[in-house]
Amino acid sequence: MKRLFLGILVMFLVLVSGVNAFTLNNVPDQTWNEKYPWELSANLSTFIVLPAGETFTYSVKSQTGTDIVISNVNTGLPTFTVADEDWTGSNDVVFTITGSVSGSKDTNVIKLTRNVPAYCSLEDYGATKIAIGDIDFDDETYKIGDTVTVTIEDVEALNEDLEDVETKVYLYNVGQKVEVMDWNIDENFDINDGDKEDFELEFKIPNSEDIGKSDIYRLVVYVTGDIESGDQRCVQGSEDIEIERETHDVIVSDVTLSPSIAKAGETVQVTVKVENIGTKDETDVYVKLKEDLLKIDLESSKFDLDNYKDSDNTNTVRFTITIPEDAKIQDYQDLEAIVYFDDGDETNGKFATTLKVESSVIAPKKAPFEITTADTKIDATKGKSASIQLIITSNDANDVDATVELSTIGNWADAIAPQSVSLHNGENNIYLPLTLKDVTAGMHTATVTIKPVGQSNFDVKQSTLSFEVIGEVKEATTTPVTGLTTAVGGFKGSSLFWIIGDVVLVIIALFFIKAIFFGKKD
């Protein structure tokens, strides 16, 4: 019995001695030296001399620090990912490899080192030349289309001046390990040694397929600048940002007007583009177009939209609106397109660009006038001045403001400048002063024109009237005295003779009176 026990023990020791027979080679250190990849992996099985028919499992025995996340260890292909994209440094790790028959062995200490951040190459990395103080933005959960304002504070030049300092911001999906989008801050700066500058960037969360429902996101700020030698140096910083893609979310992405300037009575086409940015398909989606002042309240037919990842997640709806005749002349900024989705329980809206309503050009109506004259005869023998009486009959029920003017056909009288008149319904007597020229007797014509003024609106009215001029214009003249019958100062020659005679007799009488009363006395 003792012999049997000793035999079994010997066989067990022999078997155990064969367990450690597999060979484990040295596993080299792992280092990140480039911008990509952000993730590193190592195939541990390549460092094992495998005994025939044996399988192995893998585990982490120890790790110094928590800066590197080690995943997929059980597969023998562990991956190494930095917990913070800005981190540089090293962790030491030891793996345990266990065979299905031959037992376990530990690897050598493997140093995992990251020399540079994700966006800085090894030759450009310059943490001793440039530094970032803080990355600041609102701590909130952002949605697709929301605006984010980021301030990069206290970007500092260290040890020497920096020129052409450039800042770039990346939105990174940590879970999917993909860069979603990046933005440049337009203006570059020079920063003197020891000085600090702040940079600000505003962007909208894009509707990208790389933004899922519940992923982890990070804003990475990458700053570069040229040192005095001309070489470029870079540094980066990052902050986590919360972005949420909702299950049901349809937006109005654009509203356009054609034309954007219209008059009362004219039509305008409104084009509304909608997009499903949610994770679920939507049915019975519809759009309303509203503007209270213009009395616009329209609704589209219903339609379906696929989720944000599919190509049929957009639709275009068109409305035709008519500007009311009584619309005020002004800018209208409250024309809103509203999309209804999720069985009509949810809405999103967007205002159109400004709709400008201008004054209407109303076609003038036919002039409601008839023009005649009370007297078609003008007596030229009475002198140059004459008066014309016009009879203007208005068929308009309202008073009409207008001007009346007269121009002669032929040079027989001076034209009459426009005269302002107010014409009531019925007959209106208008008197116009006329100045004759060297007109001859006979028939002469003139054109009478009535034009609208102020708020009056009618076609210009013209009528041609005929006038009979009687006689000729006579002017007073002065001619030399050739006899007693010639007009001199308006007197005949015989009358002048008797006047002179009377004057002579008066002079003689005065002479005799003087002689009698003032003669020589005794």
Protein backbone atom coordinates (compact mmCIF):
# COMPACT_ATOMS: atom_id res chain seq x y z
CA MET A 1 0.00 0.00 0.00
CA LYS A 2 2.80 2.34 0.86
CA ARG A 3 4.47 1.48 -2.42
CA LEU A 4 1.31 2.38 -4.33
CA PHE A 5 1.06 5.79 -2.59
CA LEU A 6 4.71 6.55 -3.26
CA GLY A 7 4.21 5.61 -6.93
CA ILE A 8 1.29 8.03 -7.29
CA LEU A 9 3.26 10.79 -5.54
CA VAL A 10 6.20 10.32 -7.89
CA MET A 11 3.93 10.46 -10.91
CA PHE A 12 2.28 13.70 -9.57
CA LEU A 13 5.68 15.30 -9.01
CA VAL A 14 6.71 14.37 -12.54
CA LEU A 15 3.49 15.83 -13.86
CA VAL A 16 3.93 19.00 -11.82
CA SER A 17 7.46 19.37 -13.03
CA GLY A 18 6.11 19.45 -16.59
CA VAL A 19 3.59 22.20 -15.81
CA ASN A 20 6.22 24.97 -15.87
CA ALA A 21 7.70 23.66 -19.02
CA PHE A 22 6.15 26.44 -21.28
CA THR A 23 8.40 29.38 -22.09
CA LEU A 24 7.36 33.06 -21.67
CA ASN A 25 9.51 35.54 -23.55
CA ASN A 26 10.10 39.15 -22.52
CA VAL A 27 7.23 41.55 -23.42
CA PRO A 28 8.58 44.93 -24.67
CA ASP A 29 7.52 48.29 -23.34
CA GLN A 30 4.71 50.15 -25.20
CA THR A 31 4.94 53.83 -26.16
CA TRP A 32 2.66 56.44 -27.80
CA ASN A 33 4.77 58.78 -29.92
CA GLU A 34 2.37 60.04 -32.60
CA LYS A 35 -0.99 61.81 -32.86
CA TYR A 36 -2.70 58.54 -33.74
CA PRO A 37 -3.68 55.98 -32.70
CA TRP A 38 -5.02 57.04 -29.37
CA GLU A 39 -5.37 53.37 -28.58
CA LEU A 40 -2.50 50.84 -28.37
CA SER A 41 -2.68 47.06 -28.24
CA ALA A 42 -0.28 44.14 -27.63
CA ASN A 43 -0.66 40.47 -28.58
CA LEU A 44 0.58 38.65 -25.50
CA SER A 45 0.27 35.22 -27.09
CA THR A 46 3.13 36.05 -29.43
CA PHE A 47 5.48 36.06 -26.44
CA ILE A 48 4.57 32.50 -25.32
CA VAL A 49 6.10 29.26 -26.60
CA LEU A 50 2.90 27.22 -26.49
CA PRO A 51 2.99 23.54 -25.55
CA ALA A 52 0.96 21.40 -27.92
CA GLY A 53 -2.75 21.23 -27.14
CA GLU A 54 -2.74 23.76 -24.31
CA THR A 55 -4.90 26.90 -24.00
CA PHE A 56 -4.19 30.02 -21.97
CA THR A 57 -6.04 32.77 -20.12
CA TYR A 58 -4.78 36.26 -19.29
CA SER A 59 -5.25 38.73 -16.46
CA VAL A 60 -3.74 41.89 -15.01
CA LYS A 61 -1.69 41.15 -11.95
CA SER A 62 -0.64 44.71 -11.10
CA GLN A 63 -0.63 48.27 -12.48
CA THR A 64 0.96 51.46 -11.16
CA GLY A 65 -1.44 54.37 -11.62
CA THR A 66 -4.82 54.59 -13.28
CA ASP A 67 -3.95 56.85 -16.20
CA ILE A 68 -4.17 53.99 -18.70
CA VAL A 69 -7.29 51.86 -19.13
CA ILE A 70 -6.55 48.24 -20.06
CA SER A 71 -9.35 46.38 -21.86
CA ASN A 72 -9.92 43.01 -23.58
CA VAL A 73 -7.32 41.27 -21.40
CA ASN A 74 -9.02 37.86 -21.57
CA THR A 75 -8.50 37.65 -25.32
CA GLY A 76 -4.73 37.92 -25.02
CA LEU A 77 -4.94 41.16 -27.07
CA PRO A 78 -5.18 43.82 -24.37
CA THR A 79 -5.79 47.41 -25.51
CA PHE A 80 -4.35 50.44 -23.74
CA THR A 81 -6.32 53.71 -23.76
CA VAL A 82 -5.46 56.88 -21.85
CA ALA A 83 -8.16 58.04 -19.45
CA ASP A 84 -7.33 61.70 -20.23
CA GLU A 85 -6.30 62.69 -23.76
CA ASP A 86 -4.11 65.44 -22.31
CA TRP A 87 -2.10 63.10 -20.09
CA THR A 88 1.53 62.27 -20.68
CA GLY A 89 3.59 59.90 -18.54
CA SER A 90 3.86 56.15 -17.88
CA ASN A 91 2.29 53.26 -15.96
CA ASP A 92 3.89 49.88 -15.16
CA VAL A 93 1.81 46.74 -15.64
CA VAL A 94 2.32 42.99 -15.06
CA PHE A 95 0.10 40.33 -16.68
CA THR A 96 -0.48 36.76 -15.46
CA ILE A 97 -0.72 34.04 -18.11
CA THR A 98 -2.33 30.77 -17.09
CA GLY A 99 -2.16 27.55 -19.10
CA SER A 100 -4.95 24.97 -19.07
CA VAL A 101 -2.45 22.27 -17.99
CA SER A 102 0.92 23.77 -17.26
CA GLY A 103 -0.01 26.42 -14.62
CA SER A 104 0.67 30.19 -14.48
CA LYS A 105 3.50 32.60 -15.15
CA ASP A 106 3.85 36.37 -14.77
CA THR A 107 5.22 38.60 -17.47
CA ASN A 108 8.04 41.01 -16.93
CA VAL A 109 7.16 44.57 -15.87
CA ILE A 110 5.87 46.35 -19.00
CA LYS A 111 6.21 50.13 -19.09
CA LEU A 112 3.33 51.86 -20.89
CA THR A 113 4.44 55.39 -21.83
CA ARG A 114 2.70 58.29 -23.51
CA ASN A 115 5.17 60.97 -24.52
CA VAL A 116 2.76 63.50 -26.14
CA PRO A 117 -0.94 64.38 -26.09
CA ALA A 118 -3.15 63.16 -28.88
CA TYR A 119 -2.84 66.17 -31.22
CA CYS A 120 0.78 67.05 -30.67
CA SER A 121 3.49 65.20 -32.53
CA LEU A 122 6.62 64.23 -30.61
CA GLU A 123 8.82 66.78 -32.37
CA ASP A 124 6.33 69.64 -31.76
CA TYR A 125 5.28 68.91 -28.21
CA GLY A 126 6.33 71.86 -26.09
CA ALA A 127 4.77 71.93 -22.63
CA THR A 128 7.77 73.95 -21.48
CA LYS A 129 7.04 76.69 -24.04
CA ILE A 130 3.26 77.10 -24.01
CA ALA A 131 0.50 76.40 -21.51
CA ILE A 132 -3.33 76.46 -21.30
CA GLY A 133 -4.94 77.76 -18.12
CA ASP A 134 -8.60 76.71 -18.37
CA ILE A 135 -11.27 75.66 -20.86
CA ASP A 136 -14.59 77.20 -19.89
CA PHE A 137 -18.13 76.67 -21.22
CA ASP A 138 -21.56 76.22 -19.68
CA ASP A 139 -21.96 72.96 -17.79
CA GLU A 140 -25.19 71.77 -19.33
CA THR A 141 -26.48 69.01 -21.53
CA TYR A 142 -26.38 70.21 -25.13
CA LYS A 143 -28.67 69.08 -27.90
CA ILE A 144 -28.19 68.97 -31.64
CA GLY A 145 -28.17 72.52 -32.99
CA ASP A 146 -27.43 74.16 -29.63
CA THR A 147 -24.79 76.90 -29.55
CA VAL A 148 -21.68 76.37 -27.44
CA THR A 149 -19.43 79.28 -26.45
CA VAL A 150 -15.98 78.13 -25.38
CA THR A 151 -13.39 80.38 -23.74
CA ILE A 152 -9.79 79.19 -23.68
CA GLU A 153 -8.32 81.15 -20.79
CA ASP A 154 -4.76 82.09 -19.96
CA VAL A 155 -2.89 80.73 -22.95
CA GLU A 156 0.65 81.57 -21.77
CA ALA A 157 4.04 81.85 -23.43
CA LEU A 158 6.68 80.16 -21.28
CA ASN A 159 10.41 81.02 -21.32
CA GLU A 160 10.31 82.83 -24.68
CA ASP A 161 8.03 84.75 -27.05
CA LEU A 162 5.48 82.95 -29.22
CA GLU A 163 4.39 84.08 -32.67
CA ASP A 164 1.33 83.13 -34.76
CA VAL A 165 -0.39 81.39 -31.88
CA GLU A 166 -3.22 79.36 -33.40
CA THR A 167 -6.07 77.62 -31.57
CA LYS A 168 -8.19 74.74 -32.79
CA VAL A 169 -11.05 72.95 -31.03
CA TYR A 170 -12.02 69.33 -31.70
CA LEU A 171 -15.22 67.54 -30.70
CA TYR A 172 -14.29 63.95 -29.98
CA ASN A 173 -16.57 60.94 -29.44
CA VAL A 174 -14.72 58.98 -26.77
CA GLY A 175 -16.96 55.92 -26.96
CA GLN A 176 -16.74 55.56 -30.74
CA LYS A 177 -13.11 56.79 -30.79
CA VAL A 178 -13.86 59.19 -33.64
CA GLU A 179 -13.38 62.90 -34.24
CA VAL A 180 -16.81 64.46 -34.93
CA MET A 181 -15.80 67.94 -36.13
CA ASP A 182 -13.24 70.66 -35.59
CA TRP A 183 -13.25 74.48 -35.62
CA ASN A 184 -10.48 77.06 -35.95
CA ILE A 185 -10.37 80.33 -34.06
CA ASP A 186 -9.87 82.77 -36.92
CA GLU A 187 -7.49 85.27 -35.36
CA ASN A 188 -3.87 84.45 -34.58
CA PHE A 189 -1.91 86.19 -31.82
CA ASP A 190 1.66 86.89 -30.79
CA ILE A 191 2.26 86.35 -27.07
CA ASN A 192 5.28 87.74 -25.28
CA ASP A 193 7.15 85.66 -22.76
CA GLY A 194 5.15 85.51 -19.51
CA ASP A 195 2.02 87.11 -21.04
CA LYS A 196 -1.38 85.43 -21.31
CA GLU A 197 -4.20 85.64 -23.84
CA ASP A 198 -7.81 84.42 -23.87
CA PHE A 199 -9.46 82.94 -26.94
CA GLU A 200 -13.19 82.49 -27.59
CA LEU A 201 -15.02 80.26 -30.04
CA GLU A 202 -18.73 79.83 -30.75
CA PHE A 203 -20.06 76.79 -32.61
CA LYS A 204 -23.21 74.72 -32.94
CA ILE A 205 -23.49 71.05 -32.06
CA PRO A 206 -23.57 69.41 -35.51
CA ASN A 207 -26.14 66.87 -36.60
CA SER A 208 -23.46 64.29 -37.29
CA GLU A 209 -23.90 60.53 -37.48
CA ASP A 210 -20.96 60.34 -35.07
CA ILE A 211 -23.16 61.80 -32.32
CA GLY A 212 -25.26 59.00 -30.88
CA LYS A 213 -27.89 58.82 -28.19
CA SER A 214 -25.71 58.32 -25.09
CA ASP A 215 -22.02 58.51 -25.97
CA ILE A 216 -19.26 60.28 -24.05
CA TYR A 217 -17.82 63.40 -25.70
CA ARG A 218 -14.82 65.59 -25.10
CA LEU A 219 -13.74 69.03 -26.33
CA VAL A 220 -10.02 69.00 -27.09
CA VAL A 221 -8.25 72.35 -27.43
CA TYR A 222 -5.07 72.28 -29.49
CA VAL A 223 -2.79 75.36 -29.36
CA THR A 224 0.31 75.88 -31.48
CA GLY A 225 2.85 78.72 -31.70
CA ASP A 226 6.24 79.45 -33.21
CA ILE A 227 9.20 79.92 -30.88
CA GLU A 228 12.11 82.27 -31.62
CA SER A 229 14.01 79.60 -33.57
CA GLY A 230 11.08 79.29 -35.95
CA ASP A 231 10.15 75.80 -34.75
CA GLN A 232 6.55 75.13 -33.82
CA ARG A 233 5.45 74.06 -30.37
CA CYS A 234 2.09 72.76 -29.29
CA VAL A 235 0.07 71.89 -26.22
CA GLN A 236 -3.46 70.68 -25.66
CA GLY A 237 -6.16 70.57 -23.02
CA SER A 238 -9.59 68.97 -22.89
CA GLU A 239 -12.89 68.95 -21.02
CA ASP A 240 -15.79 66.53 -21.14
CA ILE A 241 -18.99 67.87 -22.70
CA GLU A 242 -22.46 66.34 -22.40
CA ILE A 243 -24.39 65.96 -25.63
CA GLU A 244 -27.76 64.26 -25.88
CA ARG A 245 -29.56 63.08 -28.98
CA GLU A 246 -33.24 62.73 -28.19
CA THR A 247 -35.44 59.85 -29.22
CA HIS A 248 -38.05 62.11 -30.86
CA ASP A 249 -36.67 65.31 -32.36
CA VAL A 250 -37.68 66.92 -35.65
CA ILE A 251 -36.45 70.43 -36.41
CA VAL A 252 -37.20 73.16 -38.94
CA SER A 253 -33.76 73.55 -40.50
CA ASP A 254 -34.56 76.41 -42.89
CA VAL A 255 -37.35 78.81 -43.94
CA THR A 256 -36.95 80.88 -47.13
CA LEU A 257 -39.17 83.44 -48.86
CA SER A 258 -39.46 84.15 -52.57
CA PRO A 259 -39.67 87.05 -52.93
CA SER A 260 -38.86 88.52 -49.53
CA ILE A 261 -40.25 91.93 -50.57
CA ALA A 262 -43.88 92.12 -51.73
CA LYS A 263 -46.83 94.44 -52.10
CA ALA A 264 -50.42 94.05 -50.98
CA GLY A 265 -52.23 91.56 -53.20
CA GLU A 266 -49.04 89.82 -54.34
CA THR A 267 -48.11 86.19 -53.58
CA VAL A 268 -45.03 84.88 -51.77
CA GLN A 269 -43.74 81.29 -51.79
CA VAL A 270 -42.52 80.02 -48.41
CA THR A 271 -40.19 76.99 -48.48
CA VAL A 272 -39.81 75.05 -45.22
CA LYS A 273 -37.17 72.34 -44.75
CA VAL A 274 -37.57 69.88 -41.87
CA GLU A 275 -35.18 67.22 -40.61
CA ASN A 276 -35.51 64.31 -38.20
CA ILE A 277 -32.50 64.43 -35.87
CA GLY A 278 -33.98 61.93 -33.41
CA THR A 279 -33.16 58.24 -33.07
CA LYS A 280 -36.68 57.05 -33.98
CA ASP A 281 -38.61 57.13 -37.24
CA GLU A 282 -41.51 59.62 -37.26
CA THR A 283 -44.94 59.25 -38.84
CA ASP A 284 -47.70 61.78 -39.54
CA VAL A 285 -45.37 64.77 -39.36
CA TYR A 286 -46.87 68.08 -40.55
CA VAL A 287 -45.95 71.78 -40.68
CA LYS A 288 -47.97 74.89 -39.81
CA LEU A 289 -47.21 78.39 -41.10
CA LYS A 290 -48.48 81.27 -38.96
CA GLU A 291 -48.36 85.08 -38.89
CA ASP A 292 -51.11 86.86 -36.96
CA LEU A 293 -50.82 90.35 -38.44
CA LEU A 294 -51.06 89.03 -42.00
CA LYS A 295 -53.81 86.56 -40.99
CA ILE A 296 -51.73 83.57 -42.15
CA ASP A 297 -52.62 80.16 -40.68
CA LEU A 298 -51.81 77.28 -43.04
CA GLU A 299 -51.18 73.58 -42.49
CA SER A 300 -49.37 71.07 -44.72
CA SER A 301 -50.34 67.50 -45.48
CA LYS A 302 -48.78 64.78 -43.32
CA PHE A 303 -45.60 62.87 -44.16
CA ASP A 304 -43.13 60.36 -42.65
CA LEU A 305 -39.44 60.75 -41.78
CA ASP A 306 -36.74 58.16 -41.12
CA ASN A 307 -34.38 58.48 -38.14
CA TYR A 308 -31.27 60.67 -38.28
CA LYS A 309 -29.00 57.95 -39.70
CA ASP A 310 -31.13 57.23 -42.77
CA SER A 311 -31.23 59.22 -46.00
CA ASP A 312 -35.01 59.81 -45.91
CA ASN A 313 -34.88 61.89 -42.73
CA THR A 314 -35.62 65.24 -44.46
CA ASN A 315 -38.57 66.78 -46.29
CA THR A 316 -39.41 70.09 -47.97
CA VAL A 317 -42.82 71.74 -47.61
CA ARG A 318 -43.97 74.70 -49.74
CA PHE A 319 -46.69 77.22 -48.97
CA THR A 320 -48.07 80.04 -51.14
CA ILE A 321 -49.35 83.06 -49.23
CA THR A 322 -51.12 86.18 -50.50
CA ILE A 323 -50.39 89.53 -48.88
CA PRO A 324 -53.74 91.01 -47.75
CA GLU A 325 -54.91 94.16 -49.52
CA ASP A 326 -55.10 95.98 -46.18
CA ALA A 327 -51.61 94.91 -45.02
CA LYS A 328 -49.62 97.69 -43.40
CA ILE A 329 -46.41 98.84 -45.03
CA GLN A 330 -43.78 97.43 -42.63
CA ASP A 331 -41.36 94.58 -41.92
CA TYR A 332 -42.95 91.36 -40.68
CA GLN A 333 -40.59 89.28 -38.51
CA ASP A 334 -43.02 86.82 -36.91
CA LEU A 335 -43.71 84.51 -39.85
CA GLU A 336 -43.07 81.15 -38.17
CA ALA A 337 -42.94 77.59 -39.47
CA ILE A 338 -43.81 75.01 -36.78
CA VAL A 339 -43.27 71.27 -37.23
CA TYR A 340 -45.46 68.79 -35.31
CA PHE A 341 -44.17 65.26 -34.57
CA ASP A 342 -44.35 62.36 -32.07
CA ASP A 343 -48.10 62.00 -32.72
CA GLY A 344 -48.47 65.79 -32.62
CA ASP A 345 -47.33 65.99 -28.98
CA GLU A 346 -44.08 67.80 -29.69
CA THR A 347 -43.17 70.82 -31.80
CA ASN A 348 -40.18 72.80 -32.96
CA GLY A 349 -40.33 76.13 -34.76
CA LYS A 350 -38.23 78.56 -36.72
CA PHE A 351 -38.92 82.12 -37.86
CA ALA A 352 -38.50 83.06 -41.48
CA THR A 353 -36.30 85.88 -42.66
CA THR A 354 -37.97 89.29 -42.58
CA LEU A 355 -40.90 89.71 -44.96
CA LYS A 356 -41.03 93.32 -46.16
CA VAL A 357 -44.36 94.69 -47.39
CA GLU A 358 -44.00 97.78 -49.56
CA SER A 359 -46.59 100.30 -50.76
CA SER A 360 -48.83 99.02 -53.51
CA VAL A 361 -48.84 100.57 -56.94
CA ILE A 362 -52.56 100.81 -57.70
CA ALA A 363 -53.45 101.14 -61.37
CA PRO A 364 -55.02 104.54 -61.97
CA LYS A 365 -58.68 104.57 -62.88
CA LYS A 366 -60.16 106.29 -65.88
CA ALA A 367 -60.47 110.03 -65.35
CA PRO A 368 -64.11 110.71 -64.33
CA PHE A 369 -64.28 114.14 -65.99
CA GLU A 370 -65.88 115.96 -68.89
CA ILE A 371 -64.49 119.37 -69.88
CA THR A 372 -66.52 122.07 -71.64
CA THR A 373 -66.57 125.87 -71.67
CA ALA A 374 -69.40 128.29 -70.96
CA ASP A 375 -68.41 130.75 -73.70
CA THR A 376 -66.38 129.93 -76.76
CA LYS A 377 -66.02 133.57 -77.87
CA ILE A 378 -63.18 135.91 -76.85
CA ASP A 379 -63.44 139.63 -77.65
CA ALA A 380 -59.94 140.79 -78.55
CA THR A 381 -61.02 144.41 -79.03
CA LYS A 382 -61.30 144.81 -75.28
CA GLY A 383 -57.57 144.33 -74.79
CA LYS A 384 -55.09 141.57 -74.09
CA SER A 385 -56.67 140.30 -70.86
CA ALA A 386 -59.48 137.80 -71.10
CA SER A 387 -61.09 135.17 -68.91
CA ILE A 388 -62.12 131.63 -69.78
CA GLN A 389 -64.84 129.81 -67.88
CA LEU A 390 -64.34 126.04 -67.86
CA ILE A 391 -67.06 123.64 -66.77
CA ILE A 392 -65.50 120.43 -65.40
CA THR A 393 -68.08 117.75 -64.66
CA SER A 394 -66.86 115.06 -62.19
CA ASN A 395 -68.49 111.63 -62.01
CA ASP A 396 -66.48 110.64 -58.92
CA ALA A 397 -68.59 110.32 -55.79
CA ASN A 398 -65.73 111.77 -53.73
CA ASP A 399 -63.93 115.08 -53.91
CA VAL A 400 -60.85 114.92 -56.12
CA ASP A 401 -57.71 117.03 -55.77
CA ALA A 402 -56.17 118.00 -59.10
CA THR A 403 -54.39 120.66 -61.13
CA VAL A 404 -55.82 122.35 -64.23
CA GLU A 405 -53.61 123.89 -66.89
CA LEU A 406 -54.13 125.30 -70.36
CA SER A 407 -51.77 125.49 -73.31
CA THR A 408 -52.61 127.05 -76.65
CA ILE A 409 -52.15 125.33 -79.95
CA GLY A 410 -50.35 128.03 -81.85
CA ASN A 411 -48.88 131.17 -80.37
CA TRP A 412 -52.08 133.12 -79.91
CA ALA A 413 -52.08 133.39 -76.07
CA ASP A 414 -49.84 132.70 -73.10
CA ALA A 415 -50.05 129.24 -71.53
CA ILE A 416 -51.76 129.06 -68.14
CA ALA A 417 -49.65 127.43 -65.43
CA PRO A 418 -51.18 124.56 -63.38
CA GLN A 419 -53.87 125.77 -61.00
CA SER A 420 -54.74 123.66 -57.89
CA VAL A 421 -58.43 122.85 -57.64
CA SER A 422 -60.71 120.56 -55.65
CA LEU A 423 -63.38 119.02 -57.82
CA HIS A 424 -66.63 117.80 -56.28
CA ASN A 425 -69.18 115.51 -57.80
CA GLY A 426 -71.13 117.32 -60.51
CA GLU A 427 -70.33 120.56 -62.35
CA ASN A 428 -67.36 122.68 -61.28
CA ASN A 429 -66.90 126.21 -62.70
CA ILE A 430 -63.24 127.07 -63.11
CA TYR A 431 -62.16 130.57 -64.26
CA LEU A 432 -58.77 130.90 -65.88
CA PRO A 433 -57.14 134.28 -66.74
CA LEU A 434 -55.89 134.40 -70.31
CA THR A 435 -53.40 136.85 -71.79
CA LEU A 436 -53.75 137.30 -75.56
CA LYS A 437 -50.87 137.89 -77.87
CA ASP A 438 -51.00 139.55 -81.34
CA VAL A 439 -53.89 137.33 -82.24
CA THR A 440 -55.86 137.54 -85.42
CA ALA A 441 -59.58 137.14 -85.59
CA GLY A 442 -60.86 133.63 -86.20
CA MET A 443 -60.95 130.16 -84.63
CA HIS A 444 -58.15 129.15 -82.27
CA THR A 445 -57.65 126.01 -80.13
CA ALA A 446 -56.21 125.18 -76.71
CA THR A 447 -55.59 122.01 -74.67
CA VAL A 448 -56.91 121.71 -71.12
CA THR A 449 -55.08 119.14 -68.90
CA ILE A 450 -56.28 117.78 -65.55
CA LYS A 451 -53.73 115.87 -63.42
CA PRO A 452 -54.13 114.08 -60.05
CA VAL A 453 -52.34 115.33 -56.93
CA GLY A 454 -52.02 113.98 -53.38
CA GLN A 455 -54.01 110.78 -52.78
CA SER A 456 -56.07 111.19 -55.95
CA ASN A 457 -55.67 108.38 -58.44
CA PHE A 458 -56.88 108.71 -62.03
CA ASP A 459 -55.54 108.92 -65.53
CA VAL A 460 -54.47 112.32 -66.79
CA LYS A 461 -57.40 113.92 -68.62
CA GLN A 462 -56.88 116.12 -71.68
CA SER A 463 -59.46 117.89 -73.83
CA THR A 464 -59.06 120.25 -76.81
CA LEU A 465 -61.36 123.25 -76.87
CA SER A 466 -61.99 125.72 -79.70
CA PHE A 467 -62.42 129.48 -79.19
CA GLU A 468 -63.52 132.17 -81.62
CA VAL A 469 -61.47 135.36 -81.32
CA ILE A 470 -63.44 138.44 -82.33
CA GLY A 471 -61.54 141.42 -83.69
CA GLU A 472 -57.96 142.26 -83.02
CA VAL A 473 -56.11 143.57 -80.02
CA LYS A 474 -55.86 147.44 -80.28
CA GLU A 475 -53.09 149.41 -78.60
CA ALA A 476 -52.97 153.30 -78.03
CA THR A 477 -50.45 155.07 -80.35
CA THR A 478 -48.98 158.64 -80.70
CA THR A 479 -48.52 160.28 -84.17
CA PRO A 480 -47.21 163.77 -85.26
CA VAL A 481 -49.74 166.67 -85.67
CA THR A 482 -50.37 167.19 -89.42
CA GLY A 483 -53.53 169.21 -89.17
CA LEU A 484 -56.35 170.07 -86.96
CA THR A 485 -58.01 166.74 -87.58
CA THR A 486 -55.01 164.65 -86.33
CA ALA A 487 -55.26 163.22 -82.90
CA VAL A 488 -52.98 165.11 -80.56
CA GLY A 489 -53.10 164.11 -76.96
CA GLY A 490 -56.63 162.98 -77.58
CA PHE A 491 -57.94 166.45 -78.81
CA LYS A 492 -59.10 167.56 -82.34
CA GLY A 493 -57.37 170.60 -84.10
CA SER A 494 -60.49 172.90 -83.99
CA SER A 495 -60.90 172.45 -80.29
CA LEU A 496 -57.27 173.39 -79.76
CA PHE A 497 -57.78 176.65 -81.78
CA TRP A 498 -60.66 177.86 -79.60
CA ILE A 499 -58.78 177.03 -76.44
CA ILE A 500 -55.83 179.13 -77.60
CA GLY A 501 -58.21 181.97 -78.49
CA ASP A 502 -59.77 181.91 -75.04
CA VAL A 503 -56.35 182.10 -73.45
CA VAL A 504 -55.42 185.16 -75.56
CA LEU A 505 -58.67 186.96 -74.63
CA VAL A 506 -58.04 186.29 -70.91
CA ILE A 507 -54.54 187.78 -71.21
CA ILE A 508 -55.90 190.95 -72.97
CA ALA A 509 -58.61 191.36 -70.34
CA LEU A 510 -56.05 191.14 -67.57
CA PHE A 511 -53.95 193.82 -69.33
CA PHE A 512 -56.89 196.31 -69.47
CA ILE A 513 -57.84 195.69 -65.82
CA LYS A 514 -54.32 196.47 -64.77
CA ALA A 515 -54.33 199.67 -66.85
CA ILE A 516 -57.59 200.89 -65.36
CA PHE A 517 -56.94 200.16 -61.71
CA PHE A 518 -53.17 200.55 -61.53
CA GLY A 519 -52.71 203.37 -64.08
CA LYS A 520 -50.97 206.77 -63.42
CA LYS A 521 -52.77 208.96 -60.82
CA ASP A 522 -52.93 212.78 -60.49
